[in-house]
Amino acid sequence: MSGADKRDDPRSAIARTDEVLADARLAAAGAGLRPAVVKAAVNNAQKAARLGMIPIDAVVETALAALPRSPTSLRPVLNATGVVLHTNLGRAPLSRRAREALDRASGYVDVELDVATGRRARRGRATIEALKAAVPSAEDAHVVNNGAAALALVAAAFGQGREIIVSRGELVEIGDGFRLPELIASLGARLREVGTTNRTTLRDYEAAIGDDTALVLKVHTSNFVMRGFTASVPVNRLAGLGPPVAVDIGSGLLAPEPLLPAEPDAESMLRAGATVVTASGDKLLGGPQAGVLLGCREAIEMLRRHPLARAFRAGKLTFAALEATLLDAHIPVEEYLRADPGRLRSRAVQLANSLRASGVQAAAVISGGAAGGGSAPAVELPGWAVSLPASMAAALRAGHPCVIGRLERDRCLLDLRCIPAESDSELESAVRQAASRIPSGG
């Protein structure tokens, strides 16, 4: 291209990078961001202009639109699905006390220091003590970064090069394609399957136990239910067989919960004779993502000193939020599980009436909620929801705040179980905004 052609090319009028960066609007919006982040947004906008994807005078506006508007790309949502522990929405919402603990732990803290002596101390010792207080039968406790890591640490520490006995009916897939047999095999242990898919007896375990047996593993089938001609062996019978018994309760229930009678809890399993119990922190426990190990002192110390414990180590933020959760009397998960159906109905009727008055097709309907997160799959939680046209679901997801409902029988249901009552006005506003973007409210 000749010099004259270059001058005639409108793309030559695209402002230089330094000129764009000097724009007052961009300088203000980029304050506090790394310079490389702002420059990359400008360069991408310039490239789009050269390719003809945007007008050449829209470089600044395009770069502005690409800059991060918040500290994280994660969007807060109103969970109107009726599922308390929704995996795609981050499972357990943290309590106010736990959120305050995260803020306090965000700087330098004595996570592994005894300030009285100036010497190194056990990591997360206050959290460990809070766990032991919550589960009196636990002589000691350990925390890792998630529930799968807790089970993996047990398999590696007890079973490397030896056999771990497990019922065929408990060879679960824990989610996203990850399966228990593969997890155990990857850690150098040999899996010894006993019984059948639907029935496993004490004799099956007795016949399998030998000199090479390292551990008897019992896994709670927390994400499915098997009914009919079934049989399984309780922990107290397994504990009498000789080898140590590990129980993966999964859902993180620390003590019996009358609302979920079929859900095993850590205290009961340890009283029944389990050597170690593993659980998740971000399910029914109601805390952050974490793996909790509870059991006899010798077993927990062996797990804590295993080389993999370092790889699975939990950080200061996890310890802070978990400790706060264990001490807090107001845990959102517990409150949502126990939400009063009568109160939910009253709120749903009031919200639906208000929306109808503004032209939105809304009705209060009975809604069945769920614990979710691989917990209590057979339990339906009675509740109420606001029913809207299905066409509003996408508009609600795209709004501010983002509202996630569930589609059922060609309707979009906004279950109020996991919506705090003080957020009802915010939810109503979000529905009105979504309706305004759809002809005739849907």
Protein backbone atom coordinates (compact mmCIF):
# COMPACT_ATOMS: atom_id res chain seq x y z
CA MET A 1 0.00 0.00 0.00
CA SER A 2 1.41 3.41 -1.00
CA GLY A 3 1.71 6.36 1.35
CA ALA A 4 -1.32 7.98 -0.27
CA ASP A 5 -3.34 4.77 0.08
CA LYS A 6 -2.46 4.57 3.75
CA ARG A 7 -3.63 8.13 4.28
CA ASP A 8 -6.88 7.32 2.46
CA ASP A 9 -7.48 4.22 4.59
CA PRO A 10 -9.90 5.25 7.39
CA ARG A 11 -8.19 2.76 9.72
CA SER A 12 -5.17 5.07 9.80
CA ALA A 13 -7.31 7.44 11.87
CA ILE A 14 -7.42 4.99 14.79
CA ALA A 15 -5.90 6.70 17.80
CA ARG A 16 -2.52 5.52 19.03
CA THR A 17 -2.34 3.47 22.20
CA ASP A 18 -0.83 6.28 24.27
CA GLU A 19 -3.55 8.66 23.11
CA VAL A 20 -6.31 6.24 24.08
CA LEU A 21 -4.71 5.54 27.47
CA ALA A 22 -4.62 9.28 28.13
CA ASP A 23 -8.39 9.56 27.75
CA ALA A 24 -9.78 10.83 31.09
CA ARG A 25 -12.65 8.34 31.08
CA LEU A 26 -10.31 5.39 30.61
CA ALA A 27 -7.88 6.70 33.21
CA ALA A 28 -10.68 6.99 35.76
CA ALA A 29 -12.17 3.56 35.01
CA GLY A 30 -8.73 1.93 35.08
CA ALA A 31 -7.69 3.40 38.39
CA GLY A 32 -6.68 0.54 40.69
CA LEU A 33 -6.24 -1.95 37.85
CA ARG A 34 -2.88 -3.19 36.67
CA PRO A 35 -1.70 -1.07 33.69
CA ALA A 36 -1.30 -4.23 31.60
CA VAL A 37 -5.02 -5.00 32.05
CA VAL A 38 -6.05 -1.56 30.75
CA LYS A 39 -3.56 -1.68 27.89
CA ALA A 40 -4.79 -5.11 26.80
CA ALA A 41 -8.37 -3.80 26.66
CA VAL A 42 -7.21 -0.88 24.51
CA ASN A 43 -5.18 -3.10 22.17
CA ASN A 44 -8.14 -5.46 21.69
CA ALA A 45 -10.42 -2.52 20.90
CA GLN A 46 -7.91 -1.16 18.38
CA LYS A 47 -7.67 -4.55 16.73
CA ALA A 48 -11.46 -4.75 16.47
CA ALA A 49 -11.49 -1.32 14.82
CA ARG A 50 -8.80 -2.34 12.30
CA LEU A 51 -10.84 -5.42 11.39
CA GLY A 52 -13.92 -3.29 10.89
CA MET A 53 -15.78 -4.92 13.76
CA ILE A 54 -16.40 -1.57 15.50
CA PRO A 55 -16.33 2.05 14.28
CA ILE A 56 -12.91 3.66 14.57
CA ASP A 57 -14.30 6.27 16.94
CA ALA A 58 -15.59 3.59 19.33
CA VAL A 59 -12.20 2.39 20.58
CA VAL A 60 -12.39 4.15 23.93
CA GLU A 61 -15.98 3.03 24.60
CA THR A 62 -15.13 -0.56 23.65
CA ALA A 63 -12.07 -0.60 25.89
CA LEU A 64 -14.12 0.86 28.75
CA ALA A 65 -16.75 -1.84 28.36
CA ALA A 66 -14.06 -4.54 28.55
CA LEU A 67 -12.57 -3.38 31.84
CA PRO A 68 -13.51 -5.36 34.98
CA ARG A 69 -16.25 -3.54 36.90
CA SER A 70 -15.92 -5.56 40.11
CA PRO A 71 -13.13 -7.34 42.01
CA THR A 72 -14.25 -10.72 40.62
CA SER A 73 -16.13 -11.99 37.60
CA LEU A 74 -18.27 -14.14 39.92
CA ARG A 75 -21.82 -12.74 40.05
CA PRO A 76 -23.96 -12.79 43.18
CA VAL A 77 -27.27 -14.51 42.47
CA LEU A 78 -30.63 -14.91 44.16
CA ASN A 79 -31.09 -18.65 44.49
CA ALA A 80 -34.78 -19.24 43.71
CA THR A 81 -34.32 -22.89 42.72
CA GLY A 82 -35.48 -24.30 46.05
CA VAL A 83 -32.24 -26.32 46.24
CA VAL A 84 -30.38 -25.36 49.39
CA LEU A 85 -26.96 -26.79 48.46
CA HIS A 86 -26.87 -26.02 44.75
CA THR A 87 -23.47 -27.17 43.49
CA ASN A 88 -23.52 -24.84 40.47
CA LEU A 89 -24.22 -21.90 42.78
CA GLY A 90 -21.40 -22.64 45.22
CA ARG A 91 -23.27 -24.92 47.65
CA ALA A 92 -23.53 -23.52 51.19
CA PRO A 93 -23.88 -19.75 51.48
CA LEU A 94 -21.72 -18.49 54.33
CA SER A 95 -23.16 -16.92 57.45
CA ARG A 96 -22.57 -13.28 58.33
CA ARG A 97 -20.08 -14.33 60.99
CA ALA A 98 -18.16 -16.48 58.49
CA ARG A 99 -17.99 -13.62 55.97
CA GLU A 100 -16.62 -11.34 58.69
CA ALA A 101 -14.05 -14.00 59.52
CA LEU A 102 -12.89 -14.08 55.90
CA ASP A 103 -12.33 -10.35 55.95
CA ARG A 104 -10.39 -10.58 59.22
CA ALA A 105 -8.21 -13.41 57.90
CA SER A 106 -7.45 -11.73 54.59
CA GLY A 107 -4.29 -10.07 55.91
CA TYR A 108 -1.45 -11.34 58.07
CA VAL A 109 -2.81 -13.66 60.78
CA ASP A 110 -1.41 -16.14 63.30
CA VAL A 111 -2.56 -19.14 61.30
CA GLU A 112 0.54 -21.16 62.21
CA LEU A 113 2.14 -19.11 64.96
CA ASP A 114 1.85 -19.13 68.76
CA VAL A 115 2.13 -15.42 69.52
CA ALA A 116 2.73 -16.15 73.23
CA THR A 117 5.92 -18.10 72.57
CA GLY A 118 6.82 -16.87 69.11
CA ARG A 119 7.07 -20.46 67.93
CA ARG A 120 5.36 -22.37 65.17
CA ALA A 121 1.96 -23.77 66.15
CA ARG A 122 -0.49 -26.25 64.70
CA ARG A 123 -2.28 -24.80 61.70
CA GLY A 124 -5.90 -23.90 62.37
CA ARG A 125 -5.77 -25.07 65.98
CA ALA A 126 -8.84 -23.05 67.04
CA THR A 127 -10.85 -24.57 64.20
CA ILE A 128 -9.74 -28.05 65.25
CA GLU A 129 -10.91 -27.37 68.80
CA ALA A 130 -14.26 -26.10 67.49
CA LEU A 131 -14.69 -29.30 65.49
CA LYS A 132 -13.92 -31.44 68.53
CA ALA A 133 -16.43 -29.47 70.58
CA ALA A 134 -19.09 -29.98 67.90
CA VAL A 135 -18.34 -33.73 67.71
CA PRO A 136 -17.50 -34.86 71.27
CA SER A 137 -16.67 -38.43 70.21
CA ALA A 138 -13.83 -37.17 68.01
CA GLU A 139 -10.50 -37.31 69.84
CA ASP A 140 -8.89 -35.23 67.12
CA ALA A 141 -9.66 -33.59 63.78
CA HIS A 142 -7.94 -32.48 60.62
CA VAL A 143 -9.01 -30.18 57.78
CA VAL A 144 -8.06 -30.43 54.10
CA ASN A 145 -9.21 -28.51 51.04
CA ASN A 146 -12.28 -30.56 50.06
CA GLY A 147 -14.24 -33.72 50.78
CA ALA A 148 -12.62 -35.77 48.03
CA ALA A 149 -9.19 -34.85 49.38
CA ALA A 150 -10.23 -36.09 52.83
CA LEU A 151 -11.20 -39.48 51.44
CA ALA A 152 -8.09 -39.60 49.25
CA LEU A 153 -5.86 -38.91 52.24
CA VAL A 154 -7.47 -41.79 54.16
CA ALA A 155 -7.05 -44.16 51.21
CA ALA A 156 -3.39 -43.19 50.74
CA ALA A 157 -2.42 -43.27 54.42
CA PHE A 158 -4.15 -46.53 55.30
CA GLY A 159 -4.23 -48.46 52.04
CA GLN A 160 -1.17 -47.82 49.90
CA GLY A 161 -0.02 -51.18 48.53
CA ARG A 162 -2.75 -53.00 50.46
CA GLU A 163 -6.47 -53.77 50.20
CA ILE A 164 -9.40 -51.54 51.03
CA ILE A 165 -12.68 -53.43 51.36
CA VAL A 166 -15.86 -51.71 50.16
CA SER A 167 -19.37 -52.85 49.28
CA ARG A 168 -20.25 -52.92 45.58
CA GLY A 169 -23.37 -50.96 46.39
CA GLU A 170 -21.21 -48.09 47.67
CA LEU A 171 -18.91 -47.66 44.65
CA VAL A 172 -20.33 -44.24 43.92
CA GLU A 173 -19.59 -41.58 41.34
CA ILE A 174 -19.06 -38.43 43.36
CA GLY A 175 -19.75 -36.02 40.50
CA ASP A 176 -18.31 -34.65 37.25
CA GLY A 177 -17.24 -38.13 36.19
CA PHE A 178 -15.06 -38.83 39.24
CA ARG A 179 -15.60 -42.33 40.62
CA LEU A 180 -14.63 -43.83 43.94
CA PRO A 181 -12.83 -46.92 42.52
CA GLU A 182 -10.64 -44.74 40.30
CA LEU A 183 -9.84 -42.39 43.18
CA ILE A 184 -8.72 -45.24 45.43
CA ALA A 185 -6.71 -46.95 42.69
CA SER A 186 -4.89 -43.72 41.85
CA LEU A 187 -3.57 -43.59 45.41
CA GLY A 188 -1.85 -46.97 45.28
CA ALA A 189 -4.45 -49.00 47.16
CA ARG A 190 -6.17 -52.12 45.87
CA LEU A 191 -9.93 -52.16 46.00
CA ARG A 192 -11.59 -55.33 47.25
CA GLU A 193 -15.27 -55.32 46.31
CA VAL A 194 -17.70 -57.36 48.39
CA GLY A 195 -21.38 -58.21 48.14
CA THR A 196 -23.64 -57.25 45.27
CA THR A 197 -25.06 -53.96 44.05
CA ASN A 198 -28.17 -54.24 46.19
CA ARG A 199 -27.15 -56.53 49.05
CA THR A 200 -24.01 -56.81 51.14
CA THR A 201 -23.90 -58.84 54.36
CA LEU A 202 -21.53 -59.16 57.28
CA ARG A 203 -20.41 -62.55 55.94
CA ASP A 204 -19.26 -60.85 52.73
CA TYR A 205 -16.90 -58.65 54.72
CA GLU A 206 -15.74 -61.51 56.94
CA ALA A 207 -14.84 -63.64 53.92
CA ALA A 208 -12.80 -60.83 52.36
CA ILE A 209 -10.71 -59.85 55.38
CA GLY A 210 -7.17 -61.19 55.39
CA ASP A 211 -3.58 -60.31 56.21
CA ASP A 212 -3.52 -57.77 53.38
CA THR A 213 -6.61 -55.90 54.55
CA ALA A 214 -5.75 -52.31 55.45
CA LEU A 215 -9.16 -50.77 55.88
CA VAL A 216 -12.89 -51.34 55.68
CA LEU A 217 -14.48 -48.37 53.94
CA LYS A 218 -18.16 -47.50 54.21
CA VAL A 219 -19.46 -44.82 51.86
CA HIS A 220 -22.79 -43.12 52.33
CA THR A 221 -24.70 -43.18 49.04
CA SER A 222 -25.69 -39.57 49.54
CA ASN A 223 -26.62 -38.70 45.96
CA PHE A 224 -29.01 -41.56 45.19
CA VAL A 225 -31.45 -43.88 46.92
CA MET A 226 -31.69 -47.65 46.54
CA ARG A 227 -34.97 -49.28 47.59
CA GLY A 228 -36.48 -52.75 47.51
CA PHE A 229 -34.55 -55.96 48.11
CA THR A 230 -31.49 -54.37 49.74
CA ALA A 231 -29.15 -55.00 52.66
CA SER A 232 -26.14 -53.23 54.12
CA VAL A 233 -24.02 -53.59 57.23
CA PRO A 234 -24.08 -50.87 59.93
CA VAL A 235 -20.86 -49.40 61.23
CA ASN A 236 -21.13 -50.98 64.68
CA ARG A 237 -21.02 -54.46 63.09
CA LEU A 238 -18.11 -53.55 60.83
CA ALA A 239 -16.15 -52.16 63.78
CA GLY A 240 -16.09 -55.62 65.35
CA LEU A 241 -14.30 -57.24 62.41
CA GLY A 242 -10.79 -56.14 63.36
CA PRO A 243 -9.48 -53.77 60.65
CA PRO A 244 -9.96 -50.00 61.08
CA VAL A 245 -13.22 -48.63 59.65
CA ALA A 246 -13.45 -45.39 57.71
CA VAL A 247 -16.85 -43.84 57.00
CA ASP A 248 -17.37 -41.22 54.32
CA ILE A 249 -20.61 -39.50 55.31
CA GLY A 250 -20.12 -36.98 52.53
CA SER A 251 -22.71 -34.37 53.41
CA GLY A 252 -21.04 -32.98 56.51
CA LEU A 253 -23.75 -33.52 59.10
CA LEU A 254 -21.94 -33.42 62.44
CA ALA A 255 -24.83 -34.41 64.72
CA PRO A 256 -28.25 -36.06 64.17
CA GLU A 257 -30.79 -33.88 62.34
CA PRO A 258 -34.47 -34.87 62.85
CA LEU A 259 -35.40 -33.28 59.55
CA LEU A 260 -33.04 -35.71 57.75
CA PRO A 261 -33.36 -38.99 59.68
CA ALA A 262 -31.68 -41.13 57.01
CA GLU A 263 -28.62 -38.91 56.80
CA PRO A 264 -25.63 -40.26 58.78
CA ASP A 265 -23.75 -37.88 61.06
CA ALA A 266 -20.18 -37.84 62.30
CA GLU A 267 -20.98 -38.14 66.02
CA SER A 268 -23.14 -41.24 65.54
CA MET A 269 -20.62 -42.93 63.25
CA LEU A 270 -17.77 -42.42 65.71
CA ARG A 271 -19.89 -43.68 68.59
CA ALA A 272 -20.66 -46.75 66.51
CA GLY A 273 -16.95 -47.53 66.32
CA ALA A 274 -15.63 -45.79 63.18
CA THR A 275 -11.89 -45.12 63.29
CA VAL A 276 -12.18 -42.04 61.10
CA VAL A 277 -15.04 -40.13 59.48
CA THR A 278 -14.70 -37.88 56.43
CA ALA A 279 -17.11 -35.17 55.33
CA SER A 280 -17.48 -31.99 53.27
CA GLY A 281 -17.54 -28.57 54.89
CA ASP A 282 -19.69 -26.79 52.30
CA LYS A 283 -22.75 -29.05 52.48
CA LEU A 284 -24.96 -29.65 55.52
CA LEU A 285 -22.26 -28.29 57.81
CA GLY A 286 -22.96 -24.94 56.14
CA GLY A 287 -19.40 -23.68 55.84
CA PRO A 288 -16.70 -23.15 53.21
CA GLN A 289 -15.38 -25.78 50.83
CA ALA A 290 -13.29 -28.07 52.99
CA GLY A 291 -12.68 -31.70 53.82
CA VAL A 292 -13.17 -32.62 57.46
CA LEU A 293 -11.58 -35.67 59.08
CA LEU A 294 -12.65 -36.73 62.57
CA GLY A 295 -11.57 -39.75 64.57
CA CYS A 296 -9.24 -41.35 67.07
CA ARG A 297 -6.08 -39.49 67.97
CA GLU A 298 -3.62 -41.99 66.47
CA ALA A 299 -5.43 -42.17 63.11
CA ILE A 300 -5.76 -38.40 62.73
CA GLU A 301 -2.10 -37.89 63.62
CA MET A 302 -1.07 -40.45 60.99
CA LEU A 303 -3.20 -38.63 58.41
CA ARG A 304 -1.85 -35.24 59.43
CA ARG A 305 1.76 -36.42 59.03
CA HIS A 306 1.24 -38.16 55.68
CA PRO A 307 3.11 -36.48 52.78
CA LEU A 308 -0.14 -35.90 50.88
CA ALA A 309 -1.50 -33.85 53.77
CA ARG A 310 0.71 -31.00 52.59
CA ALA A 311 -0.73 -31.16 49.08
CA PHE A 312 -4.27 -31.17 50.46
CA ARG A 313 -3.61 -28.48 53.08
CA ALA A 314 -6.37 -25.97 53.76
CA GLY A 315 -5.57 -22.26 53.80
CA LYS A 316 -6.18 -19.56 56.36
CA LEU A 317 -9.43 -18.40 54.76
CA THR A 318 -10.89 -21.92 54.99
CA PHE A 319 -9.92 -22.24 58.65
CA ALA A 320 -11.35 -18.83 59.47
CA ALA A 321 -14.71 -19.40 57.76
CA LEU A 322 -15.03 -22.95 59.12
CA GLU A 323 -14.32 -21.88 62.69
CA ALA A 324 -16.86 -19.07 62.44
CA THR A 325 -19.45 -21.46 61.02
CA LEU A 326 -18.98 -23.92 63.87
CA LEU A 327 -19.52 -21.14 66.42
CA ASP A 328 -22.39 -19.33 64.69
CA ALA A 329 -25.98 -19.82 65.81
CA HIS A 330 -27.38 -18.51 62.51
CA ILE A 331 -26.30 -20.74 59.63
CA PRO A 332 -28.16 -20.04 56.35
CA VAL A 333 -28.22 -23.72 55.36
CA GLU A 334 -29.92 -24.70 58.62
CA GLU A 335 -32.42 -21.85 58.36
CA TYR A 336 -33.29 -22.66 54.74
CA LEU A 337 -33.73 -26.36 55.49
CA ARG A 338 -36.09 -25.54 58.36
CA ALA A 339 -37.97 -22.73 56.62
CA ASP A 340 -41.61 -22.57 57.77
CA PRO A 341 -43.98 -23.53 54.90
CA GLY A 342 -46.66 -21.21 56.25
CA ARG A 343 -44.30 -18.25 56.19
CA LEU A 344 -43.12 -19.18 52.69
CA ARG A 345 -46.74 -19.31 51.52
CA SER A 346 -47.51 -15.88 52.95
CA ARG A 347 -44.50 -14.35 51.22
CA ALA A 348 -45.29 -16.07 47.90
CA VAL A 349 -48.92 -14.88 47.94
CA GLN A 350 -47.91 -11.32 48.75
CA LEU A 351 -45.25 -11.25 46.04
CA ALA A 352 -47.52 -12.82 43.41
CA ASN A 353 -50.37 -10.38 44.20
CA SER A 354 -48.02 -7.41 43.90
CA LEU A 355 -46.63 -8.63 40.57
CA ARG A 356 -50.09 -9.29 39.12
CA ALA A 357 -51.11 -5.76 40.05
CA SER A 358 -48.34 -4.51 37.76
CA GLY A 359 -49.35 -6.77 34.87
CA VAL A 360 -47.04 -9.75 35.41
CA GLN A 361 -48.53 -13.24 35.03
CA ALA A 362 -47.73 -14.49 38.52
CA ALA A 363 -49.27 -16.99 40.94
CA ALA A 364 -48.33 -18.50 44.28
CA VAL A 365 -47.93 -22.28 44.01
CA ILE A 366 -46.83 -25.19 46.21
CA SER A 367 -43.18 -26.06 45.60
CA GLY A 368 -41.03 -28.99 46.70
CA GLY A 369 -37.50 -27.99 47.69
CA ALA A 370 -34.44 -30.18 48.18
CA ALA A 371 -31.31 -30.25 50.31
CA GLY A 372 -29.15 -30.74 47.20
CA GLY A 373 -25.37 -31.08 47.04
CA GLY A 374 -25.58 -34.87 47.19
CA SER A 375 -27.49 -34.76 50.48
CA ALA A 376 -30.78 -36.41 51.48
CA PRO A 377 -31.91 -37.21 47.92
CA ALA A 378 -35.20 -38.76 49.08
CA VAL A 379 -36.31 -35.80 51.20
CA GLU A 380 -38.63 -33.20 49.68
CA LEU A 381 -38.87 -29.95 51.59
CA PRO A 382 -42.41 -28.50 51.53
CA GLY A 383 -42.50 -24.90 50.41
CA TRP A 384 -43.98 -22.28 48.11
CA ALA A 385 -42.92 -20.45 44.97
CA VAL A 386 -44.03 -17.70 42.63
CA SER A 387 -44.95 -19.12 39.22
CA LEU A 388 -44.06 -17.01 36.17
CA PRO A 389 -44.09 -17.60 32.39
CA ALA A 390 -41.17 -19.82 31.36
CA SER A 391 -40.02 -17.16 28.90
CA MET A 392 -38.91 -14.99 31.81
CA ALA A 393 -36.19 -17.39 33.00
CA ALA A 394 -33.50 -16.08 30.64
CA ALA A 395 -34.34 -12.44 31.35
CA LEU A 396 -34.13 -13.10 35.09
CA ARG A 397 -30.70 -14.70 34.69
CA ALA A 398 -29.48 -11.71 32.69
CA GLY A 399 -30.77 -9.14 35.15
CA HIS A 400 -29.25 -7.30 38.07
CA PRO A 401 -29.50 -9.00 40.45
CA CYS A 402 -29.20 -12.29 38.63
CA VAL A 403 -32.12 -14.54 39.61
CA ILE A 404 -31.91 -18.30 39.12
CA GLY A 405 -35.25 -20.11 39.21
CA ARG A 406 -36.25 -23.54 37.95
CA LEU A 407 -38.30 -24.58 34.95
CA GLU A 408 -41.17 -26.94 35.67
CA ARG A 409 -44.19 -27.76 33.49
CA ASP A 410 -43.54 -24.84 31.15
CA ARG A 411 -43.40 -22.39 34.04
CA CYS A 412 -40.54 -20.56 35.73
CA LEU A 413 -40.80 -21.14 39.47
CA LEU A 414 -39.15 -18.80 41.94
CA ASP A 415 -38.97 -20.85 45.12
CA LEU A 416 -38.58 -18.58 48.16
CA ARG A 417 -36.87 -21.11 50.46
CA CYS A 418 -33.36 -19.77 49.90
CA ILE A 419 -34.35 -16.13 49.45
CA PRO A 420 -34.04 -14.17 52.72
CA ALA A 421 -37.31 -12.39 53.53
CA GLU A 422 -35.49 -9.05 53.49
CA SER A 423 -34.64 -9.69 49.81
CA ASP A 424 -38.27 -10.04 48.68
CA SER A 425 -38.41 -6.44 47.47
CA GLU A 426 -35.18 -6.96 45.53
CA LEU A 427 -36.63 -10.10 43.95
CA GLU A 428 -39.85 -8.28 43.04
CA SER A 429 -37.87 -5.49 41.40
CA ALA A 430 -35.83 -8.02 39.41
CA VAL A 431 -39.02 -9.72 38.17
CA ARG A 432 -40.52 -6.38 37.11
CA GLN A 433 -37.36 -5.48 35.22
CA ALA A 434 -37.31 -8.86 33.48
CA ALA A 435 -41.00 -8.53 32.56
CA SER A 436 -40.38 -5.08 31.07
CA ARG A 437 -37.95 -6.64 28.59
CA ILE A 438 -40.50 -9.22 27.43
CA PRO A 439 -43.62 -8.22 25.45
CA SER A 440 -46.71 -8.27 27.72
CA GLY A 441 -44.68 -9.62 30.65
CA GLY A 442 -44.07 -12.94 28.91
